[in-house]
């Protein structure tokens, strides 16, 4: 069973925003009350990005195109070279989340 666009949006926001929440204590200590604005902007941008991804996947699904990854979306938008570039950036982003979270947690513990 595949997720609906609303379910996928919620899953993406939950996944992306939780990384930000893990570093929230350090952000609040370093930034003070301005951190509330930072968290609000992060939540808004994550929600907007996830919603746009959901709409894009729905549109590609309506055209009969299978859409399983960022690479598939990039291929539909810019061709095969752009799909490779997007896959590389996606993998680098995931690696940076992993390394960044370990560093933030090690620093705050």
C-alpha atoms as a PDB file:
ATOM      1  CA  UNK A   1       0.000   0.000   0.000  1.00  0.00           C
ATOM      2  CA  UNK A   2       1.333   3.434  -0.897  1.00  0.00           C
ATOM      3  CA  UNK A   3       0.851   6.549   1.187  1.00  0.00           C
ATOM      4  CA  UNK A   4      -1.565   9.264   0.206  1.00  0.00           C
ATOM      5  CA  UNK A   5      -0.137  12.727  -0.440  1.00  0.00           C
ATOM      6  CA  UNK A   6      -1.298  13.900   3.005  1.00  0.00           C
ATOM      7  CA  UNK A   7       0.264  10.872   4.730  1.00  0.00           C
ATOM      8  CA  UNK A   8       3.512  11.292   2.800  1.00  0.00           C
ATOM      9  CA  UNK A   9       3.597  15.017   3.637  1.00  0.00           C
ATOM     10  CA  UNK A  10       3.149  14.268   7.332  1.00  0.00           C
ATOM     11  CA  UNK A  11       5.872  11.598   7.199  1.00  0.00           C
ATOM     12  CA  UNK A  12       8.332  13.948   5.433  1.00  0.00           C
ATOM     13  CA  UNK A  13       7.684  16.818   7.853  1.00  0.00           C
ATOM     14  CA  UNK A  14       8.019  14.472  10.817  1.00  0.00           C
ATOM     15  CA  UNK A  15      11.270  13.012   9.472  1.00  0.00           C
ATOM     16  CA  UNK A  16      12.899  16.309   8.501  1.00  0.00           C
ATOM     17  CA  UNK A  17      11.713  18.398  11.447  1.00  0.00           C
ATOM     18  CA  UNK A  18      12.752  15.841  14.065  1.00  0.00           C
ATOM     19  CA  UNK A  19      16.379  16.393  13.067  1.00  0.00           C
ATOM     20  CA  UNK A  20      15.931  20.059  13.921  1.00  0.00           C
ATOM     21  CA  UNK A  21      14.289  19.257  17.245  1.00  0.00           C
ATOM     22  CA  UNK A  22      17.260  17.157  18.315  1.00  0.00           C
ATOM     23  CA  UNK A  23      19.423  20.281  18.247  1.00  0.00           C
ATOM     24  CA  UNK A  24      16.769  22.597  19.710  1.00  0.00           C
ATOM     25  CA  UNK A  25      18.238  22.796  23.247  1.00  0.00           C
ATOM     26  CA  UNK A  26      21.595  24.004  21.918  1.00  0.00           C
ATOM     27  CA  UNK A  27      19.849  26.487  19.595  1.00  0.00           C
ATOM     28  CA  UNK A  28      17.761  27.928  22.433  1.00  0.00           C
ATOM     29  CA  UNK A  29      20.794  28.314  24.688  1.00  0.00           C
ATOM     30  CA  UNK A  30      22.808  29.998  21.940  1.00  0.00           C
ATOM     31  CA  UNK A  31      20.062  32.177  20.460  1.00  0.00           C
ATOM     32  CA  UNK A  32      17.662  32.909  23.300  1.00  0.00           C
ATOM     33  CA  UNK A  33      14.118  33.958  22.361  1.00  0.00           C
ATOM     34  CA  UNK A  34      15.093  34.400  18.690  1.00  0.00           C
ATOM     35  CA  UNK A  35      15.220  30.606  18.479  1.00  0.00           C
ATOM     36  CA  UNK A  36      11.395  30.521  18.503  1.00  0.00           C
ATOM     37  CA  UNK A  37      11.409  32.389  15.188  1.00  0.00           C
ATOM     38  CA  UNK A  38      14.069  30.023  13.849  1.00  0.00           C
ATOM     39  CA  UNK A  39      12.020  26.962  14.805  1.00  0.00           C
ATOM     40  CA  UNK A  40       8.918  28.541  13.261  1.00  0.00           C
ATOM     41  CA  UNK A  41      10.713  29.247   9.979  1.00  0.00           C
ATOM     42  CA  UNK A  42      12.120  25.707   9.940  1.00  0.00           C
ATOM     43  CA  UNK A  43       8.673  24.208  10.544  1.00  0.00           C
ATOM     44  CA  UNK A  44       7.094  26.359   7.837  1.00  0.00           C
ATOM     45  CA  UNK A  45       9.776  25.579   5.263  1.00  0.00           C
ATOM     46  CA  UNK A  46       9.654  21.829   6.014  1.00  0.00           C
ATOM     47  CA  UNK A  47       5.860  21.814   5.703  1.00  0.00           C
ATOM     48  CA  UNK A  48       5.964  23.784   2.438  1.00  0.00           C
ATOM     49  CA  UNK A  49       8.669  21.546   0.945  1.00  0.00           C
ATOM     50  CA  UNK A  50       6.862  18.349   1.927  1.00  0.00           C
ATOM     51  CA  UNK A  51       3.584  19.687   0.530  1.00  0.00           C
ATOM     52  CA  UNK A  52       5.217  20.609  -2.800  1.00  0.00           C
ATOM     53  CA  UNK A  53       6.827  17.164  -3.010  1.00  0.00           C
ATOM     54  CA  UNK A  54       3.457  15.552  -2.374  1.00  0.00           C
ATOM     55  CA  UNK A  55       1.792  17.634  -5.084  1.00  0.00           C
ATOM     56  CA  UNK A  56       4.609  16.828  -7.527  1.00  0.00           C
ATOM     57  CA  UNK A  57       4.305  13.109  -6.850  1.00  0.00           C
ATOM     58  CA  UNK A  58       0.527  13.272  -7.280  1.00  0.00           C
ATOM     59  CA  UNK A  59       0.923  15.092 -10.610  1.00  0.00           C
ATOM     60  CA  UNK A  60       3.446  12.544 -11.878  1.00  0.00           C
ATOM     61  CA  UNK A  61       1.203   9.711 -10.702  1.00  0.00           C
ATOM     62  CA  UNK A  62      -1.738  11.222 -12.589  1.00  0.00           C
ATOM     63  CA  UNK A  63       0.432  11.229 -15.741  1.00  0.00           C
ATOM     64  CA  UNK A  64       1.122   7.531 -15.241  1.00  0.00           C
ATOM     65  CA  UNK A  65       4.770   7.999 -14.258  1.00  0.00           C
ATOM     66  CA  UNK A  66       6.103   5.952 -11.391  1.00  0.00           C
ATOM     67  CA  UNK A  67       7.674   8.296  -8.861  1.00  0.00           C
ATOM     68  CA  UNK A  68       9.696   6.647  -6.149  1.00  0.00           C
ATOM     69  CA  UNK A  69      12.553   9.043  -5.453  1.00  0.00           C
ATOM     70  CA  UNK A  70      13.938  12.557  -5.760  1.00  0.00           C
ATOM     71  CA  UNK A  71      15.787  11.295  -8.819  1.00  0.00           C
ATOM     72  CA  UNK A  72      12.497  10.420 -10.528  1.00  0.00           C
ATOM     73  CA  UNK A  73      11.155  13.908  -9.842  1.00  0.00           C
ATOM     74  CA  UNK A  74      14.374  15.489 -11.105  1.00  0.00           C
ATOM     75  CA  UNK A  75      14.324  13.304 -14.233  1.00  0.00           C
ATOM     76  CA  UNK A  76      10.773  14.480 -14.981  1.00  0.00           C
ATOM     77  CA  UNK A  77      11.774  18.122 -14.413  1.00  0.00           C
ATOM     78  CA  UNK A  78      15.220  18.307 -15.988  1.00  0.00           C
ATOM     79  CA  UNK A  79      16.259  15.064 -17.653  1.00  0.00           C
ATOM     80  CA  UNK A  80      18.690  12.277 -16.781  1.00  0.00           C
ATOM     81  CA  UNK A  81      21.694  14.476 -15.920  1.00  0.00           C
ATOM     82  CA  UNK A  82      19.656  16.476 -13.436  1.00  0.00           C
ATOM     83  CA  UNK A  83      18.399  13.191 -11.945  1.00  0.00           C
ATOM     84  CA  UNK A  84      21.981  12.068 -11.254  1.00  0.00           C
ATOM     85  CA  UNK A  85      22.834  15.445  -9.716  1.00  0.00           C
ATOM     86  CA  UNK A  86      19.751  15.265  -7.489  1.00  0.00           C
ATOM     87  CA  UNK A  87      20.554  11.721  -6.344  1.00  0.00           C
ATOM     88  CA  UNK A  88      24.103  12.780  -5.392  1.00  0.00           C
ATOM     89  CA  UNK A  89      22.799  15.775  -3.441  1.00  0.00           C
ATOM     90  CA  UNK A  90      20.140  13.638  -1.744  1.00  0.00           C
ATOM     91  CA  UNK A  91      22.726  11.107  -0.576  1.00  0.00           C
ATOM     92  CA  UNK A  92      25.063  13.887   0.578  1.00  0.00           C
ATOM     93  CA  UNK A  93      22.206  15.519   2.482  1.00  0.00           C
ATOM     94  CA  UNK A  94      21.361  12.285   4.265  1.00  0.00           C
ATOM     95  CA  UNK A  95      25.018  11.784   5.202  1.00  0.00           C
ATOM     96  CA  UNK A  96      25.234  15.349   6.519  1.00  0.00           C
ATOM     97  CA  UNK A  97      22.134  14.759   8.676  1.00  0.00           C
ATOM     98  CA  UNK A  98      23.713  11.671  10.185  1.00  0.00           C
ATOM     99  CA  UNK A  99      27.070  13.325  10.862  1.00  0.00           C
ATOM    100  CA  UNK A 100      25.471  16.575  11.989  1.00  0.00           C
ATOM    101  CA  UNK A 101      23.161  14.886  14.465  1.00  0.00           C
ATOM    102  CA  UNK A 102      26.006  12.883  15.978  1.00  0.00           C
ATOM    103  CA  UNK A 103      28.058  16.067  16.363  1.00  0.00           C
ATOM    104  CA  UNK A 104      25.179  18.072  17.820  1.00  0.00           C
ATOM    105  CA  UNK A 105      24.219  15.333  20.261  1.00  0.00           C
ATOM    106  CA  UNK A 106      27.845  14.797  21.281  1.00  0.00           C
ATOM    107  CA  UNK A 107      28.285  18.528  21.799  1.00  0.00           C
ATOM    108  CA  UNK A 108      25.087  18.987  23.847  1.00  0.00           C
ATOM    109  CA  UNK A 109      25.445  15.875  26.030  1.00  0.00           C
END
